[in-house]
Amino acid sequence: EPGVSFKKLNSDQRKLLDYQTKRMGADAFRSLGIDGKGVRIAIFDAGFPGVMNHQAFEHFKGDQKIIKTYDFVKGE
């Protein structure tokens, strides 16, 4: 993706990534040709404090990939 850079993973990080994606059924998605492009994801969680100002999420903000946030506790 233009403007997004990723660091190289060390072998422990690669093993963890492989484990996590296998556990989530990534092979089933790949076999159906689903690669994540054009997919919209909704996350309902206790929250991601700092998501709008933490550098790890900059590439989401810059491309306006975080479409909407809502705080169910505060109602805003």
N, C-alpha and C. Protein backbone atom coordinates (compact mmCIF):
# COMPACT_ATOMS: atom_id res chain seq x y z
N GLU A 1 0.85 -1.18 0.00
CA GLU A 1 0.00 0.00 0.00
C GLU A 1 0.90 1.23 0.00
N PRO A 2 0.66 2.19 -0.87
CA PRO A 2 1.50 3.39 -0.93
C PRO A 2 1.50 4.15 0.38
N GLY A 3 2.67 4.59 0.79
CA GLY A 3 2.79 5.40 2.00
C GLY A 3 2.82 4.62 3.29
N VAL A 4 2.68 3.31 3.22
CA VAL A 4 2.70 2.49 4.43
C VAL A 4 3.97 1.67 4.41
N SER A 5 4.72 1.73 5.49
CA SER A 5 5.93 0.92 5.56
C SER A 5 5.81 -0.04 6.73
N PHE A 6 6.37 -1.19 6.56
CA PHE A 6 6.34 -2.21 7.60
C PHE A 6 7.76 -2.62 7.91
N LYS A 7 8.01 -2.85 9.17
CA LYS A 7 9.34 -3.30 9.54
C LYS A 7 9.45 -4.80 9.30
N LYS A 8 10.67 -5.27 9.15
CA LYS A 8 10.91 -6.70 8.99
C LYS A 8 10.62 -7.39 10.32
N LEU A 9 10.02 -8.54 10.25
CA LEU A 9 9.73 -9.31 11.45
C LEU A 9 10.90 -10.23 11.77
N ASN A 10 11.21 -10.35 13.06
CA ASN A 10 12.21 -11.34 13.42
C ASN A 10 11.53 -12.71 13.45
N SER A 11 12.28 -13.77 13.65
CA SER A 11 11.70 -15.12 13.52
C SER A 11 10.62 -15.38 14.57
N ASP A 12 10.76 -14.86 15.78
CA ASP A 12 9.72 -15.05 16.80
C ASP A 12 8.44 -14.32 16.41
N GLN A 13 8.58 -13.11 15.89
CA GLN A 13 7.41 -12.35 15.45
C GLN A 13 6.73 -13.04 14.28
N ARG A 14 7.51 -13.59 13.36
CA ARG A 14 6.97 -14.30 12.19
C ARG A 14 6.20 -15.54 12.65
N LYS A 15 6.75 -16.28 13.61
CA LYS A 15 6.07 -17.47 14.14
C LYS A 15 4.74 -17.09 14.78
N LEU A 16 4.74 -16.01 15.56
CA LEU A 16 3.51 -15.55 16.20
C LEU A 16 2.48 -15.13 15.16
N LEU A 17 2.92 -14.38 14.14
CA LEU A 17 2.02 -13.96 13.07
C LEU A 17 1.42 -15.17 12.35
N ASP A 18 2.27 -16.13 12.03
CA ASP A 18 1.79 -17.34 11.35
C ASP A 18 0.77 -18.09 12.21
N TYR A 19 1.07 -18.21 13.50
CA TYR A 19 0.16 -18.88 14.43
C TYR A 19 -1.19 -18.16 14.50
N GLN A 20 -1.13 -16.85 14.66
CA GLN A 20 -2.36 -16.07 14.80
C GLN A 20 -3.22 -16.12 13.55
N THR A 21 -2.61 -15.96 12.39
CA THR A 21 -3.40 -15.97 11.15
C THR A 21 -3.95 -17.36 10.86
N LYS A 22 -3.18 -18.40 11.18
CA LYS A 22 -3.69 -19.76 11.00
C LYS A 22 -4.87 -20.00 11.92
N ARG A 23 -4.76 -19.55 13.16
CA ARG A 23 -5.83 -19.73 14.14
C ARG A 23 -7.12 -19.02 13.73
N MET A 24 -6.98 -17.90 13.03
CA MET A 24 -8.15 -17.14 12.58
C MET A 24 -8.71 -17.65 11.26
N GLY A 25 -8.09 -18.69 10.70
CA GLY A 25 -8.62 -19.28 9.47
C GLY A 25 -8.21 -18.56 8.20
N ALA A 26 -7.03 -17.98 8.20
CA ALA A 26 -6.57 -17.22 7.03
C ALA A 26 -6.54 -18.08 5.77
N ASP A 27 -6.22 -19.35 5.91
CA ASP A 27 -6.16 -20.22 4.73
C ASP A 27 -7.51 -20.31 4.02
N ALA A 28 -8.58 -20.33 4.80
CA ALA A 28 -9.92 -20.39 4.20
C ALA A 28 -10.21 -19.12 3.39
N PHE A 29 -9.80 -17.98 3.90
CA PHE A 29 -10.00 -16.73 3.18
C PHE A 29 -9.16 -16.70 1.91
N ARG A 30 -7.89 -17.12 2.03
CA ARG A 30 -7.01 -17.13 0.86
C ARG A 30 -7.56 -18.04 -0.23
N SER A 31 -8.08 -19.21 0.18
CA SER A 31 -8.59 -20.16 -0.82
C SER A 31 -9.80 -19.60 -1.56
N LEU A 32 -10.50 -18.66 -0.94
CA LEU A 32 -11.66 -18.02 -1.57
C LEU A 32 -11.27 -16.73 -2.31
N GLY A 33 -9.98 -16.42 -2.28
CA GLY A 33 -9.52 -15.21 -2.97
C GLY A 33 -9.77 -13.93 -2.20
N ILE A 34 -10.05 -14.05 -0.91
CA ILE A 34 -10.29 -12.86 -0.09
C ILE A 34 -8.95 -12.41 0.47
N ASP A 35 -8.55 -11.17 0.12
CA ASP A 35 -7.25 -10.68 0.58
C ASP A 35 -7.37 -9.45 1.49
N GLY A 36 -8.57 -9.05 1.80
CA GLY A 36 -8.77 -7.92 2.70
C GLY A 36 -9.04 -6.61 1.99
N LYS A 37 -8.78 -6.53 0.70
CA LYS A 37 -9.05 -5.29 -0.02
C LYS A 37 -10.55 -5.08 -0.14
N GLY A 38 -11.00 -3.88 0.20
CA GLY A 38 -12.41 -3.56 0.11
C GLY A 38 -13.25 -4.09 1.25
N VAL A 39 -12.61 -4.66 2.25
CA VAL A 39 -13.34 -5.21 3.39
C VAL A 39 -13.48 -4.14 4.46
N ARG A 40 -14.67 -3.99 4.99
CA ARG A 40 -14.91 -3.06 6.09
C ARG A 40 -15.11 -3.89 7.36
N ILE A 41 -14.44 -3.48 8.41
CA ILE A 41 -14.47 -4.23 9.66
C ILE A 41 -15.06 -3.36 10.76
N ALA A 42 -15.96 -3.93 11.54
CA ALA A 42 -16.49 -3.26 12.73
C ALA A 42 -15.89 -3.94 13.94
N ILE A 43 -15.39 -3.16 14.86
CA ILE A 43 -14.82 -3.69 16.08
C ILE A 43 -15.61 -3.16 17.26
N PHE A 44 -16.16 -4.07 18.01
CA PHE A 44 -16.85 -3.72 19.24
C PHE A 44 -15.98 -4.22 20.38
N ASP A 45 -15.47 -3.30 21.17
CA ASP A 45 -14.47 -3.66 22.16
C ASP A 45 -14.59 -2.72 23.34
N ALA A 46 -13.87 -3.02 24.37
CA ALA A 46 -13.84 -2.13 25.53
C ALA A 46 -13.11 -0.84 25.21
N GLY A 47 -12.43 -0.82 24.09
CA GLY A 47 -11.82 0.43 23.66
C GLY A 47 -10.38 0.29 23.25
N PHE A 48 -9.93 1.26 22.51
CA PHE A 48 -8.55 1.36 22.09
C PHE A 48 -8.05 2.75 22.50
N PRO A 49 -7.74 2.92 23.79
CA PRO A 49 -7.27 4.23 24.22
C PRO A 49 -6.08 4.70 23.39
N GLY A 50 -6.17 5.90 22.91
CA GLY A 50 -5.08 6.48 22.14
C GLY A 50 -5.07 6.15 20.67
N VAL A 51 -6.09 5.44 20.19
CA VAL A 51 -6.08 5.04 18.78
C VAL A 51 -6.00 6.24 17.84
N MET A 52 -6.58 7.34 18.21
CA MET A 52 -6.58 8.49 17.31
C MET A 52 -5.32 9.34 17.43
N ASN A 53 -4.44 9.03 18.39
CA ASN A 53 -3.22 9.82 18.48
C ASN A 53 -1.96 8.98 18.66
N HIS A 54 -2.05 7.67 18.59
CA HIS A 54 -0.87 6.82 18.71
C HIS A 54 -0.26 6.60 17.33
N GLN A 55 1.05 6.68 17.25
CA GLN A 55 1.74 6.60 15.95
C GLN A 55 1.52 5.26 15.24
N ALA A 56 1.24 4.19 15.98
CA ALA A 56 1.03 2.88 15.34
C ALA A 56 -0.18 2.87 14.42
N PHE A 57 -1.11 3.81 14.63
CA PHE A 57 -2.33 3.84 13.83
C PHE A 57 -2.35 4.99 12.83
N GLU A 58 -1.23 5.67 12.65
CA GLU A 58 -1.17 6.81 11.74
C GLU A 58 -1.63 6.47 10.33
N HIS A 59 -1.25 5.29 9.83
CA HIS A 59 -1.62 4.94 8.46
C HIS A 59 -3.12 4.75 8.30
N PHE A 60 -3.83 4.45 9.38
CA PHE A 60 -5.29 4.37 9.30
C PHE A 60 -5.89 5.77 9.22
N LYS A 61 -5.40 6.67 10.03
CA LYS A 61 -5.94 8.03 10.06
C LYS A 61 -5.66 8.78 8.77
N GLY A 62 -4.43 8.66 8.26
CA GLY A 62 -4.05 9.40 7.06
C GLY A 62 -4.90 9.06 5.86
N ASP A 63 -5.33 7.83 5.76
CA ASP A 63 -6.15 7.40 4.63
C ASP A 63 -7.63 7.38 4.99
N GLN A 64 -7.96 7.95 6.13
CA GLN A 64 -9.34 7.99 6.63
C GLN A 64 -9.96 6.59 6.65
N LYS A 65 -9.19 5.63 7.15
CA LYS A 65 -9.69 4.26 7.23
C LYS A 65 -10.49 4.01 8.50
N ILE A 66 -10.30 4.85 9.51
CA ILE A 66 -11.18 4.79 10.68
C ILE A 66 -12.35 5.70 10.35
N ILE A 67 -13.46 5.08 10.01
CA ILE A 67 -14.61 5.82 9.50
C ILE A 67 -15.42 6.43 10.62
N LYS A 68 -15.61 5.69 11.69
CA LYS A 68 -16.47 6.16 12.77
C LYS A 68 -16.03 5.53 14.07
N THR A 69 -16.08 6.29 15.14
CA THR A 69 -15.88 5.75 16.48
C THR A 69 -17.08 6.14 17.33
N TYR A 70 -17.34 5.34 18.33
CA TYR A 70 -18.45 5.65 19.24
C TYR A 70 -18.13 5.09 20.61
N ASP A 71 -18.29 5.90 21.61
CA ASP A 71 -18.08 5.48 22.99
C ASP A 71 -19.43 5.15 23.59
N PHE A 72 -19.71 3.88 23.75
CA PHE A 72 -21.02 3.45 24.27
C PHE A 72 -21.19 3.83 25.74
N VAL A 73 -20.10 3.91 26.47
CA VAL A 73 -20.17 4.28 27.89
C VAL A 73 -20.54 5.74 28.05
N LYS A 74 -19.85 6.60 27.30
CA LYS A 74 -20.10 8.04 27.38
C LYS A 74 -21.24 8.49 26.47
N GLY A 75 -21.65 7.61 25.55
CA GLY A 75 -22.72 7.97 24.62
C GLY A 75 -22.32 9.03 23.63
N GLU A 76 -21.06 9.00 23.20
CA GLU A 76 -20.60 10.00 22.24
C GLU A 76 -19.75 9.38 21.16
